[in-house]
Amino acid sequence: MDHSLITTSTSLEGYKITKHLGVVRGITVRSRSALGNIAGGFQSLFGGRLSIYVELCENTREEAYQLLIQHAQAIGANAIINMRYDANEIMQGITEVLAYGTAVIVEKTV
């Protein structure tokens, strides 16, 4: 899927939506290892950017995003509109990240 056809908007400039296929999602659940938490706690003592947690968040969102794309492709979509992220703590130290949107079929307008 062309990543330029994934948007947080409800439409795509230069494209006509020909069919709505429904809501698609990618979900993952992650936790930081005990060693990662120790390293993150150590980083927090000095303040500033907590690179260990930034990396965890980036990897988790990317995984949810790729799963979203796979789900959309599996039902025949060539674009996703109204894409969003959501995150919830399931229990202390364990977080669910959800990427979701509306799978659509689009055609380039002339």
PDB file of N, CA and C in Angstrom:
ATOM      1  N   MET A   1       0.847  -1.176   0.000  1.00  0.00           N
ATOM      2  CA  MET A   1       0.000   0.000   0.000  1.00  0.00           C
ATOM      3  C   MET A   1       0.891   1.238   0.000  1.00  0.00           C
ATOM      4  N   ASP A   2       0.541   2.197  -0.826  1.00  0.00           N
ATOM      5  CA  ASP A   2       1.273   3.466  -0.896  1.00  0.00           C
ATOM      6  C   ASP A   2       0.987   4.253   0.394  1.00  0.00           C
ATOM      7  N   HIS A   3       2.026   4.530   1.171  1.00  0.00           N
ATOM      8  CA  HIS A   3       1.842   5.210   2.463  1.00  0.00           C
ATOM      9  C   HIS A   3       1.287   6.623   2.316  1.00  0.00           C
ATOM     10  N   SER A   4       1.381   7.205   1.131  1.00  0.00           N
ATOM     11  CA  SER A   4       0.782   8.530   0.929  1.00  0.00           C
ATOM     12  C   SER A   4      -0.743   8.430   0.837  1.00  0.00           C
ATOM     13  N   LEU A   5      -1.261   7.196   0.749  1.00  0.00           N
ATOM     14  CA  LEU A   5      -2.712   6.993   0.715  1.00  0.00           C
ATOM     15  C   LEU A   5      -3.259   6.571   2.079  1.00  0.00           C
ATOM     16  N   ILE A   6      -2.500   6.867   3.119  1.00  0.00           N
ATOM     17  CA  ILE A   6      -2.956   6.667   4.497  1.00  0.00           C
ATOM     18  C   ILE A   6      -2.968   8.043   5.133  1.00  0.00           C
ATOM     19  N   THR A   7      -4.125   8.458   5.614  1.00  0.00           N
ATOM     20  CA  THR A   7      -4.267   9.825   6.104  1.00  0.00           C
ATOM     21  C   THR A   7      -5.146   9.896   7.348  1.00  0.00           C
ATOM     22  N   THR A   8      -4.915  10.933   8.132  1.00  0.00           N
ATOM     23  CA  THR A   8      -5.794  11.208   9.271  1.00  0.00           C
ATOM     24  C   THR A   8      -7.006  12.023   8.839  1.00  0.00           C
ATOM     25  N   SER A   9      -7.001  12.450   7.600  1.00  0.00           N
ATOM     26  CA  SER A   9      -8.109  13.223   7.045  1.00  0.00           C
ATOM     27  C   SER A   9      -9.250  12.273   6.646  1.00  0.00           C
ATOM     28  N   THR A  10     -10.390  12.853   6.325  1.00  0.00           N
ATOM     29  CA  THR A  10     -11.534  12.045   5.877  1.00  0.00           C
ATOM     30  C   THR A  10     -11.605  11.934   4.357  1.00  0.00           C
ATOM     31  N   SER A  11     -10.613  12.504   3.680  1.00  0.00           N
ATOM     32  CA  SER A  11     -10.556  12.414   2.219  1.00  0.00           C
ATOM     33  C   SER A  11      -9.104  12.477   1.783  1.00  0.00           C
ATOM     34  N   LEU A  12      -8.869  12.169   0.510  1.00  0.00           N
ATOM     35  CA  LEU A  12      -7.529  12.237  -0.062  1.00  0.00           C
ATOM     36  C   LEU A  12      -7.555  13.176  -1.254  1.00  0.00           C
ATOM     37  N   GLU A  13      -6.776  14.224  -1.184  1.00  0.00           N
ATOM     38  CA  GLU A  13      -6.690  15.203  -2.267  1.00  0.00           C
ATOM     39  C   GLU A  13      -6.272  14.502  -3.559  1.00  0.00           C
ATOM     40  N   GLY A  14      -7.053  14.717  -4.621  1.00  0.00           N
ATOM     41  CA  GLY A  14      -6.725  14.140  -5.923  1.00  0.00           C
ATOM     42  C   GLY A  14      -7.249  12.731  -6.127  1.00  0.00           C
ATOM     43  N   TYR A  15      -8.015  12.232  -5.154  1.00  0.00           N
ATOM     44  CA  TYR A  15      -8.565  10.886  -5.247  1.00  0.00           C
ATOM     45  C   TYR A  15     -10.053  10.904  -4.925  1.00  0.00           C
ATOM     46  N   LYS A  16     -10.763   9.997  -5.555  1.00  0.00           N
ATOM     47  CA  LYS A  16     -12.193   9.817  -5.284  1.00  0.00           C
ATOM     48  C   LYS A  16     -12.366   8.478  -4.575  1.00  0.00           C
ATOM     49  N   ILE A  17     -13.079   8.500  -3.452  1.00  0.00           N
ATOM     50  CA  ILE A  17     -13.372   7.255  -2.733  1.00  0.00           C
ATOM     51  C   ILE A  17     -14.503   6.562  -3.481  1.00  0.00           C
ATOM     52  N   THR A  18     -14.228   5.339  -3.949  1.00  0.00           N
ATOM     53  CA  THR A  18     -15.242   4.596  -4.692  1.00  0.00           C
ATOM     54  C   THR A  18     -15.955   3.552  -3.837  1.00  0.00           C
ATOM     55  N   LYS A  19     -15.306   3.162  -2.737  1.00  0.00           N
ATOM     56  CA  LYS A  19     -15.945   2.158  -1.871  1.00  0.00           C
ATOM     57  C   LYS A  19     -15.353   2.225  -0.467  1.00  0.00           C
ATOM     58  N   HIS A  20     -16.244   2.219   0.528  1.00  0.00           N
ATOM     59  CA  HIS A  20     -15.844   2.113   1.933  1.00  0.00           C
ATOM     60  C   HIS A  20     -15.892   0.632   2.303  1.00  0.00           C
ATOM     61  N   LEU A  21     -14.806   0.116   2.874  1.00  0.00           N
ATOM     62  CA  LEU A  21     -14.751  -1.298   3.234  1.00  0.00           C
ATOM     63  C   LEU A  21     -14.924  -1.536   4.730  1.00  0.00           C
ATOM     64  N   GLY A  22     -14.911  -0.470   5.509  1.00  0.00           N
ATOM     65  CA  GLY A  22     -15.136  -0.600   6.941  1.00  0.00           C
ATOM     66  C   GLY A  22     -13.903  -0.300   7.776  1.00  0.00           C
ATOM     67  N   VAL A  23     -14.070  -0.444   9.069  1.00  0.00           N
ATOM     68  CA  VAL A  23     -13.011  -0.148  10.024  1.00  0.00           C
ATOM     69  C   VAL A  23     -11.961  -1.265   9.985  1.00  0.00           C
ATOM     70  N   VAL A  24     -10.695  -0.843   9.995  1.00  0.00           N
ATOM     71  CA  VAL A  24      -9.582  -1.783  10.091  1.00  0.00           C
ATOM     72  C   VAL A  24      -8.715  -1.372  11.275  1.00  0.00           C
ATOM     73  N   ARG A  25      -7.966  -2.339  11.797  1.00  0.00           N
ATOM     74  CA  ARG A  25      -7.151  -2.018  12.961  1.00  0.00           C
ATOM     75  C   ARG A  25      -5.916  -2.888  13.000  1.00  0.00           C
ATOM     76  N   GLY A  26      -4.946  -2.397  13.719  1.00  0.00           N
ATOM     77  CA  GLY A  26      -3.747  -3.145  14.055  1.00  0.00           C
ATOM     78  C   GLY A  26      -3.538  -2.956  15.538  1.00  0.00           C
ATOM     79  N   ILE A  27      -3.369  -4.043  16.245  1.00  0.00           N
ATOM     80  CA  ILE A  27      -3.245  -3.952  17.706  1.00  0.00           C
ATOM     81  C   ILE A  27      -2.032  -4.750  18.159  1.00  0.00           C
ATOM     82  N   THR A  28      -1.318  -4.201  19.116  1.00  0.00           N
ATOM     83  CA  THR A  28      -0.207  -4.907  19.727  1.00  0.00           C
ATOM     84  C   THR A  28      -0.186  -4.579  21.212  1.00  0.00           C
ATOM     85  N   VAL A  29       0.395  -5.468  21.976  1.00  0.00           N
ATOM     86  CA  VAL A  29       0.524  -5.278  23.423  1.00  0.00           C
ATOM     87  C   VAL A  29       1.999  -5.467  23.760  1.00  0.00           C
ATOM     88  N   ARG A  30       2.557  -4.518  24.483  1.00  0.00           N
ATOM     89  CA  ARG A  30       3.979  -4.543  24.787  1.00  0.00           C
ATOM     90  C   ARG A  30       4.243  -4.214  26.244  1.00  0.00           C
ATOM     91  N   SER A  31       5.413  -4.668  26.688  1.00  0.00           N
ATOM     92  CA  SER A  31       5.925  -4.261  28.003  1.00  0.00           C
ATOM     93  C   SER A  31       7.427  -4.099  27.868  1.00  0.00           C
ATOM     94  N   ARG A  32       8.009  -3.351  28.749  1.00  0.00           N
ATOM     95  CA  ARG A  32       9.457  -3.177  28.802  1.00  0.00           C
ATOM     96  C   ARG A  32      10.004  -4.246  29.731  1.00  0.00           C
ATOM     97  N   SER A  33      11.139  -4.813  29.390  1.00  0.00           N
ATOM     98  CA  SER A  33      11.765  -5.829  30.240  1.00  0.00           C
ATOM     99  C   SER A  33      12.213  -5.207  31.560  1.00  0.00           C
ATOM    100  N   ALA A  34      12.507  -6.048  32.517  1.00  0.00           N
ATOM    101  CA  ALA A  34      12.983  -5.562  33.812  1.00  0.00           C
ATOM    102  C   ALA A  34      14.266  -4.755  33.647  1.00  0.00           C
ATOM    103  N   LEU A  35      15.174  -5.231  32.794  1.00  0.00           N
ATOM    104  CA  LEU A  35      16.416  -4.485  32.552  1.00  0.00           C
ATOM    105  C   LEU A  35      16.126  -3.143  31.879  1.00  0.00           C
ATOM    106  N   GLY A  36      15.159  -3.134  30.955  1.00  0.00           N
ATOM    107  CA  GLY A  36      14.777  -1.882  30.299  1.00  0.00           C
ATOM    108  C   GLY A  36      14.197  -0.887  31.280  1.00  0.00           C
ATOM    109  N   ASN A  37      13.400  -1.384  32.222  1.00  0.00           N
ATOM    110  CA  ASN A  37      12.829  -0.503  33.240  1.00  0.00           C
ATOM    111  C   ASN A  37      13.912   0.063  34.155  1.00  0.00           C
ATOM    112  N   ILE A  38      14.902  -0.752  34.476  1.00  0.00           N
ATOM    113  CA  ILE A  38      16.012  -0.269  35.308  1.00  0.00           C
ATOM    114  C   ILE A  38      16.779   0.824  34.559  1.00  0.00           C
ATOM    115  N   ALA A  39      17.074   0.553  33.278  1.00  0.00           N
ATOM    116  CA  ALA A  39      17.800   1.546  32.461  1.00  0.00           C
ATOM    117  C   ALA A  39      16.971   2.817  32.299  1.00  0.00           C
ATOM    118  N   GLY A  40      15.655   2.670  32.085  1.00  0.00           N
ATOM    119  CA  GLY A  40      14.774   3.834  31.967  1.00  0.00           C
ATOM    120  C   GLY A  40      14.717   4.629  33.255  1.00  0.00           C
ATOM    121  N   GLY A  41      14.673   3.924  34.385  1.00  0.00           N
ATOM    122  CA  GLY A  41      14.681   4.593  35.681  1.00  0.00           C
ATOM    123  C   GLY A  41      15.980   5.349  35.909  1.00  0.00           C
ATOM    124  N   PHE A  42      17.072   4.751  35.493  1.00  0.00           N
ATOM    125  CA  PHE A  42      18.376   5.407  35.609  1.00  0.00           C
ATOM    126  C   PHE A  42      18.406   6.669  34.746  1.00  0.00           C
ATOM    127  N   GLN A  43      17.897   6.570  33.504  1.00  0.00           N
ATOM    128  CA  GLN A  43      17.852   7.750  32.626  1.00  0.00           C
ATOM    129  C   GLN A  43      17.008   8.854  33.240  1.00  0.00           C
ATOM    130  N   SER A  44      15.909   8.479  33.893  1.00  0.00           N
ATOM    131  CA  SER A  44      15.006   9.491  34.446  1.00  0.00           C
ATOM    132  C   SER A  44      15.651  10.277  35.585  1.00  0.00           C
ATOM    133  N   LEU A  45      16.657   9.721  36.210  1.00  0.00           N
ATOM    134  CA  LEU A  45      17.363  10.441  37.275  1.00  0.00           C
ATOM    135  C   LEU A  45      18.025  11.708  36.756  1.00  0.00           C
ATOM    136  N   PHE A  46      18.398  11.703  35.477  1.00  0.00           N
ATOM    137  CA  PHE A  46      19.092  12.836  34.887  1.00  0.00           C
ATOM    138  C   PHE A  46      18.173  13.768  34.114  1.00  0.00           C
ATOM    139  N   GLY A  47      16.912  13.380  33.969  1.00  0.00           N
ATOM    140  CA  GLY A  47      15.957  14.218  33.250  1.00  0.00           C
ATOM    141  C   GLY A  47      16.186  14.171  31.749  1.00  0.00           C
ATOM    142  N   GLY A  48      15.357  14.878  31.035  1.00  0.00           N
ATOM    143  CA  GLY A  48      15.505  14.936  29.587  1.00  0.00           C
ATOM    144  C   GLY A  48      14.812  13.782  28.879  1.00  0.00           C
ATOM    145  N   ARG A  49      15.247  13.552  27.666  1.00  0.00           N
ATOM    146  CA  ARG A  49      14.655  12.536  26.791  1.00  0.00           C
ATOM    147  C   ARG A  49      14.985  11.129  27.299  1.00  0.00           C
ATOM    148  N   LEU A  50      13.974  10.312  27.453  1.00  0.00           N
ATOM    149  CA  LEU A  50      14.149   8.936  27.915  1.00  0.00           C
ATOM    150  C   LEU A  50      14.170   8.016  26.696  1.00  0.00           C
ATOM    151  N   SER A  51      15.343   7.891  26.081  1.00  0.00           N
ATOM    152  CA  SER A  51      15.477   7.206  24.790  1.00  0.00           C
ATOM    153  C   SER A  51      14.998   5.761  24.830  1.00  0.00           C
ATOM    154  N   ILE A  52      15.150   5.083  25.937  1.00  0.00           N
ATOM    155  CA  ILE A  52      14.707   3.689  26.033  1.00  0.00           C
ATOM    156  C   ILE A  52      13.195   3.601  25.855  1.00  0.00           C
ATOM    157  N   TYR A  53      12.470   4.520  26.472  1.00  0.00           N
ATOM    158  CA  TYR A  53      11.013   4.503  26.344  1.00  0.00           C
ATOM    159  C   TYR A  53      10.563   5.058  25.001  1.00  0.00           C
ATOM    160  N   VAL A  54      11.283   6.034  24.472  1.00  0.00           N
ATOM    161  CA  VAL A  54      10.955   6.560  23.136  1.00  0.00           C
ATOM    162  C   VAL A  54      11.062   5.440  22.111  1.00  0.00           C
ATOM    163  N   GLU A  55      12.147   4.666  22.180  1.00  0.00           N
ATOM    164  CA  GLU A  55      12.342   3.554  21.246  1.00  0.00           C
ATOM    165  C   GLU A  55      11.223   2.523  21.386  1.00  0.00           C
ATOM    166  N   LEU A  56      10.852   2.194  22.610  1.00  0.00           N
ATOM    167  CA  LEU A  56       9.761   1.244  22.832  1.00  0.00           C
ATOM    168  C   LEU A  56       8.467   1.761  22.211  1.00  0.00           C
ATOM    169  N   CYS A  57       8.143   3.023  22.440  1.00  0.00           N
ATOM    170  CA  CYS A  57       6.914   3.612  21.899  1.00  0.00           C
ATOM    171  C   CYS A  57       6.940   3.653  20.373  1.00  0.00           C
ATOM    172  N   GLU A  58       8.073   4.053  19.794  1.00  0.00           N
ATOM    173  CA  GLU A  58       8.193   4.096  18.336  1.00  0.00           C
ATOM    174  C   GLU A  58       8.004   2.708  17.721  1.00  0.00           C
ATOM    175  N   ASN A  59       8.672   1.709  18.290  1.00  0.00           N
ATOM    176  CA  ASN A  59       8.554   0.348  17.771  1.00  0.00           C
ATOM    177  C   ASN A  59       7.136  -0.200  17.911  1.00  0.00           C
ATOM    178  N   THR A  60       6.500   0.110  19.017  1.00  0.00           N
ATOM    179  CA  THR A  60       5.139  -0.374  19.260  1.00  0.00           C
ATOM    180  C   THR A  60       4.152   0.263  18.295  1.00  0.00           C
ATOM    181  N   ARG A  61       4.248   1.571  18.088  1.00  0.00           N
ATOM    182  CA  ARG A  61       3.357   2.241  17.135  1.00  0.00           C
ATOM    183  C   ARG A  61       3.596   1.748  15.715  1.00  0.00           C
ATOM    184  N   GLU A  62       4.849   1.550  15.355  1.00  0.00           N
ATOM    185  CA  GLU A  62       5.166   1.052  14.011  1.00  0.00           C
ATOM    186  C   GLU A  62       4.587  -0.340  13.790  1.00  0.00           C
ATOM    187  N   GLU A  63       4.659  -1.188  14.798  1.00  0.00           N
ATOM    188  CA  GLU A  63       4.091  -2.530  14.682  1.00  0.00           C
ATOM    189  C   GLU A  63       2.571  -2.457  14.499  1.00  0.00           C
ATOM    190  N   ALA A  64       1.895  -1.637  15.297  1.00  0.00           N
ATOM    191  CA  ALA A  64       0.442  -1.479  15.167  1.00  0.00           C
ATOM    192  C   ALA A  64       0.085  -0.918  13.790  1.00  0.00           C
ATOM    193  N   TYR A  65       0.877   0.040  13.301  1.00  0.00           N
ATOM    194  CA  TYR A  65       0.657   0.656  11.983  1.00  0.00           C
ATOM    195  C   TYR A  65       0.787  -0.381  10.873  1.00  0.00           C
ATOM    196  N   GLN A  66       1.826  -1.211  10.928  1.00  0.00           N
ATOM    197  CA  GLN A  66       2.019  -2.245   9.910  1.00  0.00           C
ATOM    198  C   GLN A  66       0.896  -3.279   9.950  1.00  0.00           C
ATOM    199  N   LEU A  67       0.429  -3.627  11.128  1.00  0.00           N
ATOM    200  CA  LEU A  67      -0.703  -4.552  11.255  1.00  0.00           C
ATOM    201  C   LEU A  67      -1.982  -3.940  10.679  1.00  0.00           C
ATOM    202  N   LEU A  68      -2.170  -2.637  10.879  1.00  0.00           N
ATOM    203  CA  LEU A  68      -3.302  -1.920  10.289  1.00  0.00           C
ATOM    204  C   LEU A  68      -3.260  -2.042   8.769  1.00  0.00           C
ATOM    205  N   ILE A  69      -2.105  -1.788   8.180  1.00  0.00           N
ATOM    206  CA  ILE A  69      -1.951  -1.870   6.729  1.00  0.00           C
ATOM    207  C   ILE A  69      -2.240  -3.289   6.234  1.00  0.00           C
ATOM    208  N   GLN A  70      -1.722  -4.283   6.940  1.00  0.00           N
ATOM    209  CA  GLN A  70      -1.969  -5.678   6.557  1.00  0.00           C
ATOM    210  C   GLN A  70      -3.460  -5.999   6.575  1.00  0.00           C
ATOM    211  N   HIS A  71      -4.147  -5.527   7.603  1.00  0.00           N
ATOM    212  CA  HIS A  71      -5.589  -5.776   7.713  1.00  0.00           C
ATOM    213  C   HIS A  71      -6.334  -5.127   6.538  1.00  0.00           C
ATOM    214  N   ALA A  72      -5.975  -3.883   6.218  1.00  0.00           N
ATOM    215  CA  ALA A  72      -6.624  -3.175   5.108  1.00  0.00           C
ATOM    216  C   ALA A  72      -6.369  -3.876   3.779  1.00  0.00           C
ATOM    217  N   GLN A  73      -5.136  -4.306   3.547  1.00  0.00           N
ATOM    218  CA  GLN A  73      -4.810  -5.002   2.301  1.00  0.00           C
ATOM    219  C   GLN A  73      -5.545  -6.333   2.204  1.00  0.00           C
ATOM    220  N   ALA A  74      -5.699  -7.010   3.326  1.00  0.00           N
ATOM    221  CA  ALA A  74      -6.377  -8.314   3.339  1.00  0.00           C
ATOM    222  C   ALA A  74      -7.836  -8.208   2.895  1.00  0.00           C
ATOM    223  N   ILE A  75      -8.455  -7.048   3.094  1.00  0.00           N
ATOM    224  CA  ILE A  75      -9.854  -6.897   2.666  1.00  0.00           C
ATOM    225  C   ILE A  75      -9.970  -6.125   1.348  1.00  0.00           C
ATOM    226  N   GLY A  76      -8.823  -5.875   0.697  1.00  0.00           N
ATOM    227  CA  GLY A  76      -8.837  -5.283  -0.636  1.00  0.00           C
ATOM    228  C   GLY A  76      -8.731  -3.780  -0.724  1.00  0.00           C
ATOM    229  N   ALA A  77      -8.387  -3.115   0.361  1.00  0.00           N
ATOM    230  CA  ALA A  77      -8.276  -1.646   0.344  1.00  0.00           C
ATOM    231  C   ALA A  77      -6.971  -1.213  -0.318  1.00  0.00           C
ATOM    232  N   ASN A  78      -7.007  -0.036  -0.920  1.00  0.00           N
ATOM    233  CA  ASN A  78      -5.767   0.555  -1.425  1.00  0.00           C
ATOM    234  C   ASN A  78      -5.465   1.883  -0.720  1.00  0.00           C
ATOM    235  N   ALA A  79      -6.299   2.224   0.288  1.00  0.00           N
ATOM    236  CA  ALA A  79      -6.089   3.450   1.060  1.00  0.00           C
ATOM    237  C   ALA A  79      -6.773   3.308   2.425  1.00  0.00           C
ATOM    238  N   ILE A  80      -6.335   4.152   3.359  1.00  0.00           N
ATOM    239  CA  ILE A  80      -6.950   4.206   4.689  1.00  0.00           C
ATOM    240  C   ILE A  80      -7.156   5.675   5.022  1.00  0.00           C
ATOM    241  N   ILE A  81      -8.378   6.019   5.388  1.00  0.00           N
ATOM    242  CA  ILE A  81      -8.683   7.388   5.800  1.00  0.00           C
ATOM    243  C   ILE A  81      -9.011   7.409   7.290  1.00  0.00           C
ATOM    244  N   ASN A  82      -8.967   8.599   7.853  1.00  0.00           N
ATOM    245  CA  ASN A  82      -9.335   8.812   9.256  1.00  0.00           C
ATOM    246  C   ASN A  82      -8.521   7.920  10.206  1.00  0.00           C
ATOM    247  N   MET A  83      -7.228   7.759   9.909  1.00  0.00           N
ATOM    248  CA  MET A  83      -6.353   6.898  10.697  1.00  0.00           C
ATOM    249  C   MET A  83      -6.038   7.558  12.042  1.00  0.00           C
ATOM    250  N   ARG A  84      -6.025   6.755  13.091  1.00  0.00           N
ATOM    251  CA  ARG A  84      -5.762   7.239  14.444  1.00  0.00           C
ATOM    252  C   ARG A  84      -4.974   6.200  15.236  1.00  0.00           C
ATOM    253  N   TYR A  85      -4.375   6.654  16.340  1.00  0.00           N
ATOM    254  CA  TYR A  85      -3.745   5.774  17.322  1.00  0.00           C
ATOM    255  C   TYR A  85      -4.485   5.914  18.643  1.00  0.00           C
ATOM    256  N   ASP A  86      -4.471   4.841  19.416  1.00  0.00           N
ATOM    257  CA  ASP A  86      -4.988   4.871  20.778  1.00  0.00           C
ATOM    258  C   ASP A  86      -4.088   3.969  21.613  1.00  0.00           C
ATOM    259  N   ALA A  87      -3.940   4.269  22.871  1.00  0.00           N
ATOM    260  CA  ALA A  87      -3.131   3.443  23.765  1.00  0.00           C
ATOM    261  C   ALA A  87      -3.816   3.349  25.111  1.00  0.00           C
ATOM    262  N   ASN A  88      -3.755   2.170  25.698  1.00  0.00           N
ATOM    263  CA  ASN A  88      -4.346   1.931  27.009  1.00  0.00           C
ATOM    264  C   ASN A  88      -3.417   1.050  27.821  1.00  0.00           C
ATOM    265  N   GLU A  89      -3.297   1.358  29.085  1.00  0.00           N
ATOM    266  CA  GLU A  89      -2.526   0.498  29.968  1.00  0.00           C
ATOM    267  C   GLU A  89      -3.437  -0.638  30.418  1.00  0.00           C
ATOM    268  N   ILE A  90      -3.058  -1.862  30.104  1.00  0.00           N
ATOM    269  CA  ILE A  90      -3.853  -3.036  30.478  1.00  0.00           C
ATOM    270  C   ILE A  90      -3.633  -3.356  31.952  1.00  0.00           C
ATOM    271  N   MET A  91      -2.374  -3.328  32.339  1.00  0.00           N
ATOM    272  CA  MET A  91      -1.983  -3.449  33.742  1.00  0.00           C
ATOM    273  C   MET A  91      -0.645  -2.737  33.872  1.00  0.00           C
ATOM    274  N   GLN A  92      -0.182  -2.531  35.064  1.00  0.00           N
ATOM    275  CA  GLN A  92       1.034  -1.748  35.248  1.00  0.00           C
ATOM    276  C   GLN A  92       2.178  -2.325  34.411  1.00  0.00           C
ATOM    277  N   GLY A  93       2.725  -1.478  33.543  1.00  0.00           N
ATOM    278  CA  GLY A  93       3.863  -1.874  32.724  1.00  0.00           C
ATOM    279  C   GLY A  93       3.510  -2.579  31.427  1.00  0.00           C
ATOM    280  N   ILE A  94       2.219  -2.814  31.179  1.00  0.00           N
ATOM    281  CA  ILE A  94       1.781  -3.491  29.948  1.00  0.00           C
ATOM    282  C   ILE A  94       0.782  -2.587  29.237  1.00  0.00           C
ATOM    283  N   THR A  95       1.135  -2.217  27.997  1.00  0.00           N
ATOM    284  CA  THR A  95       0.335  -1.257  27.249  1.00  0.00           C
ATOM    285  C   THR A  95      -0.121  -1.828  25.923  1.00  0.00           C
ATOM    286  N   GLU A  96      -1.372  -1.559  25.604  1.00  0.00           N
ATOM    287  CA  GLU A  96      -1.954  -1.910  24.315  1.00  0.00           C
ATOM    288  C   GLU A  96      -1.872  -0.670  23.432  1.00  0.00           C
ATOM    289  N   VAL A  97      -1.440  -0.843  22.190  1.00  0.00           N
ATOM    290  CA  VAL A  97      -1.460   0.251  21.220  1.00  0.00           C
ATOM    291  C   VAL A  97      -2.292  -0.207  20.036  1.00  0.00           C
ATOM    292  N   LEU A  98      -3.214   0.642  19.646  1.00  0.00           N
ATOM    293  CA  LEU A  98      -4.142   0.351  18.567  1.00  0.00           C
ATOM    294  C   LEU A  98      -4.003   1.423  17.498  1.00  0.00           C
ATOM    295  N   ALA A  99      -3.834   0.989  16.250  1.00  0.00           N
ATOM    296  CA  ALA A  99      -3.890   1.880  15.096  1.00  0.00           C
ATOM    297  C   ALA A  99      -5.173   1.503  14.359  1.00  0.00           C
ATOM    298  N   TYR A 100      -6.002   2.480  14.029  1.00  0.00           N
ATOM    299  CA  TYR A 100      -7.262   2.154  13.365  1.00  0.00           C
ATOM    300  C   TYR A 100      -7.645   3.234  12.364  1.00  0.00           C
ATOM    301  N   GLY A 101      -8.504   2.871  11.455  1.00  0.00           N
ATOM    302  CA  GLY A 101      -8.972   3.802  10.441  1.00  0.00           C
ATOM    303  C   GLY A 101     -10.039   3.146   9.585  1.00  0.00           C
ATOM    304  N   THR A 102     -10.424   3.815   8.517  1.00  0.00           N
ATOM    305  CA  THR A 102     -11.426   3.299   7.593  1.00  0.00           C
ATOM    306  C   THR A 102     -10.745   2.869   6.313  1.00  0.00           C
ATOM    307  N   ALA A 103     -10.903   1.609   5.962  1.00  0.00           N
ATOM    308  CA  ALA A 103     -10.338   1.078   4.725  1.00  0.00           C
ATOM    309  C   ALA A 103     -11.237   1.491   3.564  1.00  0.00           C
ATOM    310  N   VAL A 104     -10.598   1.982   2.509  1.00  0.00           N
ATOM    311  CA  VAL A 104     -11.357   2.422   1.344  1.00  0.00           C
ATOM    312  C   VAL A 104     -10.635   2.006   0.062  1.00  0.00           C
ATOM    313  N   ILE A 105     -11.388   2.067  -1.019  1.00  0.00           N
ATOM    314  CA  ILE A 105     -10.813   1.934  -2.359  1.00  0.00           C
ATOM    315  C   ILE A 105     -10.930   3.308  -2.995  1.00  0.00           C
ATOM    316  N   VAL A 106      -9.803   3.799  -3.525  1.00  0.00           N
ATOM    317  CA  VAL A 106      -9.797   5.115  -4.145  1.00  0.00           C
ATOM    318  C   VAL A 106      -9.312   5.019  -5.591  1.00  0.00           C
ATOM    319  N   GLU A 107      -9.738   5.995  -6.372  1.00  0.00           N
ATOM    320  CA  GLU A 107      -9.275   6.140  -7.757  1.00  0.00           C
ATOM    321  C   GLU A 107      -8.757   7.555  -7.919  1.00  0.00           C
ATOM    322  N   LYS A 108      -7.666   7.694  -8.649  1.00  0.00           N
ATOM    323  CA  LYS A 108      -7.102   9.024  -8.923  1.00  0.00           C
ATOM    324  C   LYS A 108      -8.074   9.772  -9.812  1.00  0.00           C
ATOM    325  N   THR A 109      -8.332  11.038  -9.458  1.00  0.00           N
ATOM    326  CA  THR A 109      -9.197  11.875 -10.285  1.00  0.00           C
ATOM    327  C   THR A 109      -8.366  12.533 -11.377  1.00  0.00           C
ATOM    328  N   VAL A 110      -9.014  12.834 -12.462  1.00  0.00           N
ATOM    329  CA  VAL A 110      -8.297  13.422 -13.607  1.00  0.00           C
ATOM    330  C   VAL A 110      -8.197  14.910 -13.501  1.00  0.00           C
TER     331      VAL A 110
END
